[in-house]
Amino acid sequence: MDRALQVAFPHVYCELDFTTPLELSVATILSAQCTDVRVNMVTPALFARYPDAQAYAGADRTELEEYIRSTGFYRNKATSIMGLAQALLERFDGEVPGRLEDLVTLPGFGRKTANVVLGNAFGVPGITVDTHFGRLVRRWRWTEETDPVKVEHAVGELVERRHWTDLSHRVIFHGRRVCHAKKPACGVCVLAADCPSFGEGPTDPQVAAALVKGPETEHLLALAGV
């Protein structure tokens, strides 16, 4: 199944725009209950206004909240971002650390955020169990676990560690583009022959084709012969 996903999505990447570990950390905090597209609309101005941990730690809270308001839950997110910045200044000289055991101690960080930052900003393999990832690996019967940490460990045993970050991207891409929660595009899915849940969505290729989203749509439909 992973080999099929590699064919479907040969070029995977973090869909949050960033240039530094701090920018990715902030963007990932903002992405909670918010689309990456919306976050990417907000972050250029945000990153320009707050270029480092010192700037976030000393931010006027009301001003910071206005920058991130459209991402939702902006008060909680502002608390996390300012808390993160203060912790970085106090404990890590203002820099985001590159170790999981350090990252998970920071405000706004759980294992998911830590693995996003490790995998994409530091090149350290990590499995990111977001909503899409957990939903799909259970749909595929890779695991029956529902706890994200248990899902992370269960899937990690199935795939070589060096592939963890790209696997996470591939699964998330597939969840966003093809294997939707309510109506997966089963009829044009590259995993159709191996998926134990085939048939949860429309199996007619023409009907399923209309459900595919994203920039890879033409490539995905060509693979399905549509």
Protein backbone atom coordinates (compact mmCIF):
# COMPACT_ATOMS: atom_id res chain seq x y z
CA MET A 1 0.00 0.00 0.00
CA ASP A 2 2.85 2.37 0.79
CA ARG A 3 4.49 1.61 -2.55
CA ALA A 4 1.21 2.44 -4.29
CA LEU A 5 1.03 5.72 -2.37
CA GLN A 6 4.60 6.53 -3.47
CA VAL A 7 3.44 6.23 -7.09
CA ALA A 8 0.36 8.35 -6.40
CA PHE A 9 2.30 11.02 -4.49
CA PRO A 10 5.95 10.95 -5.61
CA HIS A 11 6.59 14.48 -4.35
CA VAL A 12 5.35 15.00 -0.81
CA TYR A 13 6.07 17.91 1.47
CA CYS A 14 4.82 19.83 4.47
CA GLU A 15 1.86 21.91 3.30
CA LEU A 16 2.58 24.58 5.89
CA ASP A 17 4.88 27.33 4.60
CA PHE A 18 7.96 27.99 6.75
CA THR A 19 11.69 28.76 6.60
CA THR A 20 12.82 28.08 10.19
CA PRO A 21 11.98 25.60 12.97
CA LEU A 22 10.29 28.41 14.92
CA GLU A 23 8.11 29.37 11.96
CA LEU A 24 7.05 25.75 11.50
CA SER A 25 6.35 25.42 15.23
CA VAL A 26 4.09 28.47 15.18
CA ALA A 27 2.38 27.41 11.95
CA THR A 28 1.70 23.96 13.37
CA ILE A 29 0.16 25.44 16.51
CA LEU A 30 -2.05 27.63 14.29
CA SER A 31 -3.09 24.63 12.17
CA ALA A 32 -5.11 23.06 15.01
CA GLN A 33 -8.76 23.03 13.90
CA CYS A 34 -7.76 25.11 10.87
CA THR A 35 -6.78 24.37 7.29
CA ASP A 36 -3.18 24.70 6.14
CA VAL A 37 -4.42 27.02 3.38
CA ARG A 38 -5.79 29.46 5.93
CA VAL A 39 -2.64 29.25 8.06
CA ASN A 40 -0.49 30.00 5.03
CA MET A 41 -2.58 33.12 4.37
CA VAL A 42 -1.91 34.37 7.90
CA THR A 43 1.75 33.52 8.45
CA PRO A 44 3.59 35.82 5.99
CA ALA A 45 2.53 38.95 7.87
CA LEU A 46 2.85 37.18 11.23
CA PHE A 47 6.39 35.97 10.58
CA ALA A 48 7.43 39.40 9.32
CA ARG A 49 6.09 41.04 12.47
CA TYR A 50 7.54 38.46 14.88
CA PRO A 51 10.85 37.20 13.46
CA ASP A 52 12.12 35.39 16.55
CA ALA A 53 11.25 34.06 19.99
CA GLN A 54 12.11 37.39 21.60
CA ALA A 55 9.51 39.14 19.45
CA TYR A 56 6.76 36.66 20.30
CA ALA A 57 7.62 36.70 24.01
CA GLY A 58 7.39 40.48 24.12
CA ALA A 59 4.37 40.77 21.86
CA ASP A 60 1.34 42.84 22.67
CA ARG A 61 -1.19 40.08 23.19
CA THR A 62 -4.09 41.93 21.58
CA GLU A 63 -2.03 42.66 18.49
CA LEU A 64 -0.83 39.05 18.21
CA GLU A 65 -4.41 37.80 18.54
CA GLU A 66 -5.49 40.02 15.65
CA TYR A 67 -2.80 38.56 13.41
CA ILE A 68 -4.03 35.01 14.06
CA ARG A 69 -7.74 35.59 14.68
CA SER A 70 -8.90 34.02 11.41
CA THR A 71 -7.31 30.65 12.31
CA GLY A 72 -9.84 30.14 15.11
CA PHE A 73 -9.28 29.56 18.84
CA TYR A 74 -6.93 32.53 18.57
CA ARG A 75 -6.80 33.27 22.31
CA ASN A 76 -5.62 29.77 23.17
CA LYS A 77 -3.20 29.80 20.26
CA ALA A 78 -1.77 33.16 21.32
CA THR A 79 -1.24 31.75 24.82
CA SER A 80 0.58 28.74 23.37
CA ILE A 81 2.76 30.82 21.05
CA MET A 82 3.78 33.32 23.72
CA GLY A 83 4.36 30.52 26.22
CA LEU A 84 6.46 28.67 23.65
CA ALA A 85 8.59 31.73 23.00
CA GLN A 86 9.16 32.37 26.70
CA ALA A 87 10.15 28.75 27.29
CA LEU A 88 12.57 28.84 24.35
CA LEU A 89 14.22 31.97 25.74
CA GLU A 90 14.44 30.57 29.26
CA ARG A 91 15.65 27.07 28.41
CA PHE A 92 17.01 26.89 24.87
CA ASP A 93 18.58 30.29 24.10
CA GLY A 94 15.59 31.24 21.98
CA GLU A 95 16.07 28.33 19.55
CA VAL A 96 13.70 25.41 18.90
CA PRO A 97 15.43 22.22 20.10
CA GLY A 98 15.85 19.27 17.77
CA ARG A 99 15.01 16.45 20.19
CA LEU A 100 11.59 14.92 20.78
CA GLU A 101 12.09 14.72 24.54
CA ASP A 102 12.72 18.48 24.66
CA LEU A 103 10.00 19.50 22.22
CA VAL A 104 7.18 17.73 24.06
CA THR A 105 7.93 19.79 27.19
CA LEU A 106 7.17 23.06 25.38
CA PRO A 107 3.83 24.93 25.50
CA GLY A 108 1.74 24.17 22.43
CA PHE A 109 3.64 20.97 21.69
CA GLY A 110 2.38 17.43 21.81
CA ARG A 111 3.94 14.49 20.01
CA LYS A 112 2.14 15.37 16.78
CA THR A 113 3.56 18.89 16.64
CA ALA A 114 6.96 17.61 17.75
CA ASN A 115 7.06 15.04 14.95
CA VAL A 116 5.99 17.64 12.37
CA VAL A 117 8.86 19.91 13.44
CA LEU A 118 11.41 17.11 13.74
CA GLY A 119 10.57 15.57 10.39
CA ASN A 120 10.28 18.74 8.35
CA ALA A 121 12.60 21.25 10.02
CA PHE A 122 15.31 18.94 11.33
CA GLY A 123 15.16 15.92 9.04
CA VAL A 124 14.58 13.55 11.97
CA PRO A 125 12.10 10.81 10.97
CA GLY A 126 8.75 11.06 12.71
CA ILE A 127 5.18 9.86 12.26
CA THR A 128 2.59 12.61 12.43
CA VAL A 129 -0.73 11.23 13.66
CA ASP A 130 -3.21 13.92 12.70
CA THR A 131 -6.92 13.38 12.08
CA HIS A 132 -6.38 12.14 8.53
CA PHE A 133 -3.55 9.77 9.44
CA GLY A 134 -5.39 8.11 12.31
CA ARG A 135 -8.58 7.79 10.28
CA LEU A 136 -6.90 6.21 7.28
CA VAL A 137 -4.66 3.70 9.04
CA ARG A 138 -7.70 2.42 10.95
CA ARG A 139 -9.73 2.31 7.73
CA TRP A 140 -6.91 0.28 6.18
CA ARG A 141 -6.70 -2.00 9.27
CA TRP A 142 -3.04 -1.14 9.80
CA THR A 143 -4.02 -0.75 13.45
CA GLU A 144 -7.14 -0.66 15.58
CA GLU A 145 -5.60 1.76 18.07
CA THR A 146 -7.30 5.11 18.58
CA ASP A 147 -4.78 6.77 20.92
CA PRO A 148 -2.42 8.82 18.70
CA VAL A 149 0.71 7.69 20.54
CA LYS A 150 -0.28 4.03 20.20
CA VAL A 151 -1.10 4.61 16.53
CA GLU A 152 2.32 6.19 16.04
CA HIS A 153 4.11 3.21 17.57
CA ALA A 154 1.96 0.60 15.81
CA VAL A 155 2.51 2.08 12.36
CA GLY A 156 6.17 2.73 13.13
CA GLU A 157 6.66 -1.01 13.47
CA LEU A 158 5.32 -1.57 9.94
CA VAL A 159 7.55 0.86 8.07
CA GLU A 160 11.29 1.56 8.12
CA ARG A 161 12.13 4.51 10.36
CA ARG A 162 13.80 6.47 7.56
CA HIS A 163 10.46 6.55 5.70
CA TRP A 164 8.33 7.77 8.60
CA THR A 165 8.14 11.46 7.66
CA ASP A 166 7.35 10.88 3.99
CA LEU A 167 4.86 8.14 4.89
CA SER A 168 3.06 10.64 7.11
CA HIS A 169 2.85 13.11 4.24
CA ARG A 170 1.63 10.46 1.78
CA VAL A 171 -1.13 9.26 4.09
CA ILE A 172 -2.22 12.82 4.88
CA PHE A 173 -2.17 13.77 1.18
CA HIS A 174 -4.30 10.72 0.37
CA GLY A 175 -6.75 11.58 3.14
CA ARG A 176 -7.15 15.14 1.92
CA ARG A 177 -7.36 14.34 -1.77
CA VAL A 178 -8.95 10.90 -2.17
CA CYS A 179 -9.90 9.02 1.00
CA HIS A 180 -12.36 11.52 2.47
CA ALA A 181 -14.04 10.85 5.79
CA LYS A 182 -17.64 10.71 4.60
CA LYS A 183 -17.33 9.78 0.94
CA PRO A 184 -13.98 8.33 -0.14
CA ALA A 185 -13.29 8.18 -3.87
CA CYS A 186 -12.99 4.39 -3.89
CA GLY A 187 -13.54 3.98 -7.63
CA VAL A 188 -10.34 5.82 -8.53
CA CYS A 189 -8.19 4.95 -5.53
CA VAL A 190 -4.73 3.45 -6.11
CA LEU A 191 -5.27 1.30 -3.02
CA ALA A 192 -8.57 -0.20 -4.20
CA ALA A 193 -7.18 -3.70 -4.70
CA ASP A 194 -5.66 -3.85 -1.21
CA CYS A 195 -8.04 -1.76 0.90
CA PRO A 196 -10.25 -3.73 3.30
CA SER A 197 -12.71 -0.82 3.34
CA PHE A 198 -13.14 -0.58 -0.43
CA GLY A 199 -16.76 0.28 -1.16
CA GLU A 200 -17.32 2.74 1.69
CA GLY A 201 -17.46 5.37 -1.04
CA PRO A 202 -18.69 5.23 -4.65
CA THR A 203 -16.94 2.54 -6.70
CA ASP A 204 -18.03 3.84 -10.10
CA PRO A 205 -14.91 5.55 -11.52
CA GLN A 206 -16.79 8.47 -13.05
CA VAL A 207 -18.68 9.18 -9.84
CA ALA A 208 -15.57 8.77 -7.71
CA ALA A 209 -13.47 10.97 -10.00
CA ALA A 210 -15.58 13.99 -9.13
CA LEU A 211 -14.59 13.59 -5.47
CA VAL A 212 -10.83 13.86 -5.97
CA LYS A 213 -9.28 17.15 -4.85
CA GLY A 214 -5.92 18.86 -4.98
CA PRO A 215 -3.13 19.65 -7.42
CA GLU A 216 -2.44 15.97 -8.15
CA THR A 217 -5.97 15.30 -9.44
CA GLU A 218 -4.99 14.84 -13.09
CA HIS A 219 -2.15 12.46 -12.16
CA LEU A 220 -4.36 10.45 -9.79
CA LEU A 221 -7.13 10.07 -12.34
CA ALA A 222 -4.64 9.03 -15.01
CA LEU A 223 -3.37 6.29 -12.69
CA ALA A 224 -6.98 5.13 -12.34
CA GLY A 225 -7.46 5.16 -16.11
CA VAL A 226 -10.09 7.88 -16.00
